[in-house]
Amino acid sequence: MKNGRLKPGYNVQIGTEYTIHQRLTDTRCFTPHLEKLKTSGLPKPKRMIADAGYGGEANYLYAHEEALIPYNTMRKEETRAYKKYTECRQLGIP
């Protein structure tokens, strides 16, 4: 935005049921969405899969081993350019 205006943002989460959250990022919606799902009476999913936008320590701790959530820099770290960069840094090459 960068124009000094504040715009409302909503994040829609979909599982076996949907919830709407007025939070800026997916990271902050994961736990409230699953808590809402618990109160719905629907069975809890055995496995959950989320994109890197949900990656965060609080979500990893909440989901334990029931969720597959990549951390937010995982894709970047898998690139050839990133590997070369870290290799150079380890060798002391700027």
C-alpha atoms as a PDB file:
ATOM      1  CA  MET A   1       0.000   0.000   0.000  1.00  0.00           C
ATOM      2  CA  LYS A   2       2.680   2.496   1.072  1.00  0.00           C
ATOM      3  CA  ASN A   3       0.241   5.380   0.671  1.00  0.00           C
ATOM      4  CA  GLY A   4      -0.585   5.987   4.314  1.00  0.00           C
ATOM      5  CA  ARG A   5      -3.987   4.323   4.081  1.00  0.00           C
ATOM      6  CA  LEU A   6      -5.034   1.485   6.315  1.00  0.00           C
ATOM      7  CA  LYS A   7      -7.073  -1.176   4.575  1.00  0.00           C
ATOM      8  CA  PRO A   8      -8.916  -3.988   6.336  1.00  0.00           C
ATOM      9  CA  GLY A   9      -7.551  -7.430   5.635  1.00  0.00           C
ATOM     10  CA  TYR A  10      -9.250 -10.767   6.042  1.00  0.00           C
ATOM     11  CA  ASN A  11      -7.764 -14.211   5.820  1.00  0.00           C
ATOM     12  CA  VAL A  12     -10.043 -17.103   4.886  1.00  0.00           C
ATOM     13  CA  GLN A  13      -8.999 -20.535   6.147  1.00  0.00           C
ATOM     14  CA  ILE A  14     -10.530 -23.674   4.686  1.00  0.00           C
ATOM     15  CA  GLY A  15     -10.367 -27.164   6.071  1.00  0.00           C
ATOM     16  CA  THR A  16     -13.427 -29.289   6.477  1.00  0.00           C
ATOM     17  CA  GLU A  17     -14.980 -26.045   7.630  1.00  0.00           C
ATOM     18  CA  TYR A  18     -14.061 -22.445   6.906  1.00  0.00           C
ATOM     19  CA  THR A  19     -13.245 -19.619   9.267  1.00  0.00           C
ATOM     20  CA  ILE A  20     -12.529 -15.964   8.629  1.00  0.00           C
ATOM     21  CA  HIS A  21      -9.881 -14.106  10.592  1.00  0.00           C
ATOM     22  CA  GLN A  22      -8.984 -10.465  10.678  1.00  0.00           C
ATOM     23  CA  ARG A  23      -5.279 -11.093  10.953  1.00  0.00           C
ATOM     24  CA  LEU A  24      -2.596  -9.967   8.555  1.00  0.00           C
ATOM     25  CA  THR A  25      -0.798 -13.251   7.998  1.00  0.00           C
ATOM     26  CA  ASP A  26      -1.580 -16.937   7.612  1.00  0.00           C
ATOM     27  CA  THR A  27       0.814 -17.664  10.459  1.00  0.00           C
ATOM     28  CA  ARG A  28      -1.574 -16.115  12.974  1.00  0.00           C
ATOM     29  CA  CYS A  29      -4.638 -17.914  11.592  1.00  0.00           C
ATOM     30  CA  PHE A  30      -3.488 -21.527  11.915  1.00  0.00           C
ATOM     31  CA  THR A  31      -4.149 -22.080  15.623  1.00  0.00           C
ATOM     32  CA  PRO A  32      -7.458 -20.143  15.795  1.00  0.00           C
ATOM     33  CA  HIS A  33      -8.721 -22.042  12.735  1.00  0.00           C
ATOM     34  CA  LEU A  34      -7.957 -25.412  14.291  1.00  0.00           C
ATOM     35  CA  GLU A  35      -9.419 -24.354  17.640  1.00  0.00           C
ATOM     36  CA  LYS A  36     -12.641 -23.371  15.852  1.00  0.00           C
ATOM     37  CA  LEU A  37     -12.623 -26.742  14.105  1.00  0.00           C
ATOM     38  CA  LYS A  38     -12.406 -28.478  17.496  1.00  0.00           C
ATOM     39  CA  THR A  39     -15.572 -26.732  18.695  1.00  0.00           C
ATOM     40  CA  SER A  40     -17.488 -27.598  15.523  1.00  0.00           C
ATOM     41  CA  GLY A  41     -17.892 -31.237  16.517  1.00  0.00           C
ATOM     42  CA  LEU A  42     -16.263 -32.417  13.283  1.00  0.00           C
ATOM     43  CA  PRO A  43     -13.468 -34.967  13.581  1.00  0.00           C
ATOM     44  CA  LYS A  44      -9.952 -33.562  13.828  1.00  0.00           C
ATOM     45  CA  PRO A  45      -7.870 -34.220  10.700  1.00  0.00           C
ATOM     46  CA  LYS A  46      -5.189 -36.879  11.132  1.00  0.00           C
ATOM     47  CA  ARG A  47      -2.731 -34.907   8.998  1.00  0.00           C
ATOM     48  CA  MET A  48      -2.651 -31.265   8.027  1.00  0.00           C
ATOM     49  CA  ILE A  49      -0.764 -29.735   5.139  1.00  0.00           C
ATOM     50  CA  ALA A  50      -0.145 -26.010   4.901  1.00  0.00           C
ATOM     51  CA  ASP A  51       2.051 -23.792   2.760  1.00  0.00           C
ATOM     52  CA  ALA A  52       5.100 -21.893   3.985  1.00  0.00           C
ATOM     53  CA  GLY A  53       2.940 -18.897   4.899  1.00  0.00           C
ATOM     54  CA  TYR A  54       1.894 -20.864   7.979  1.00  0.00           C
ATOM     55  CA  GLY A  55       5.488 -21.643   8.969  1.00  0.00           C
ATOM     56  CA  GLY A  56       6.277 -20.350  12.424  1.00  0.00           C
ATOM     57  CA  GLU A  57       7.440 -21.683  15.762  1.00  0.00           C
ATOM     58  CA  ALA A  58       4.051 -21.306  17.433  1.00  0.00           C
ATOM     59  CA  ASN A  59       2.366 -23.343  14.683  1.00  0.00           C
ATOM     60  CA  TYR A  60       5.038 -26.052  14.769  1.00  0.00           C
ATOM     61  CA  LEU A  61       4.608 -26.378  18.530  1.00  0.00           C
ATOM     62  CA  TYR A  62       0.809 -26.389  18.271  1.00  0.00           C
ATOM     63  CA  ALA A  63       0.621 -28.983  15.504  1.00  0.00           C
ATOM     64  CA  HIS A  64       3.439 -31.225  16.778  1.00  0.00           C
ATOM     65  CA  GLU A  65       3.914 -33.944  14.161  1.00  0.00           C
ATOM     66  CA  GLU A  66       0.364 -33.810  12.821  1.00  0.00           C
ATOM     67  CA  ALA A  67       1.146 -31.132  10.219  1.00  0.00           C
ATOM     68  CA  LEU A  68       3.435 -30.746   7.261  1.00  0.00           C
ATOM     69  CA  ILE A  69       4.384 -27.057   7.161  1.00  0.00           C
ATOM     70  CA  PRO A  70       7.579 -25.975   5.418  1.00  0.00           C
ATOM     71  CA  TYR A  71       9.458 -23.079   6.960  1.00  0.00           C
ATOM     72  CA  ASN A  72       9.295 -19.825   5.022  1.00  0.00           C
ATOM     73  CA  THR A  73      12.822 -19.849   3.543  1.00  0.00           C
ATOM     74  CA  MET A  74      12.873 -23.534   2.591  1.00  0.00           C
ATOM     75  CA  ARG A  75      12.356 -23.011  -1.155  1.00  0.00           C
ATOM     76  CA  LYS A  76      14.999 -20.291  -1.256  1.00  0.00           C
ATOM     77  CA  GLU A  77      17.515 -22.498   0.558  1.00  0.00           C
ATOM     78  CA  GLU A  78      16.996 -25.258  -2.019  1.00  0.00           C
ATOM     79  CA  THR A  79      18.115 -23.055  -4.939  1.00  0.00           C
ATOM     80  CA  ARG A  80      21.542 -23.387  -6.502  1.00  0.00           C
ATOM     81  CA  ALA A  81      22.235 -19.679  -5.998  1.00  0.00           C
ATOM     82  CA  TYR A  82      21.570 -19.868  -2.259  1.00  0.00           C
ATOM     83  CA  LYS A  83      23.735 -22.973  -1.854  1.00  0.00           C
ATOM     84  CA  LYS A  84      26.566 -21.269  -3.733  1.00  0.00           C
ATOM     85  CA  TYR A  85      26.157 -18.154  -1.585  1.00  0.00           C
ATOM     86  CA  THR A  86      26.372 -20.101   1.685  1.00  0.00           C
ATOM     87  CA  GLU A  87      29.315 -22.098   0.382  1.00  0.00           C
ATOM     88  CA  CYS A  88      31.178 -18.876  -0.417  1.00  0.00           C
ATOM     89  CA  ARG A  89      30.337 -17.419   2.996  1.00  0.00           C
ATOM     90  CA  GLN A  90      31.718 -20.512   4.725  1.00  0.00           C
ATOM     91  CA  LEU A  91      34.959 -20.133   2.768  1.00  0.00           C
ATOM     92  CA  GLY A  92      35.136 -16.437   3.658  1.00  0.00           C
ATOM     93  CA  ILE A  93      34.531 -15.244   0.088  1.00  0.00           C
ATOM     94  CA  PRO A  94      32.368 -12.088  -0.020  1.00  0.00           C
END
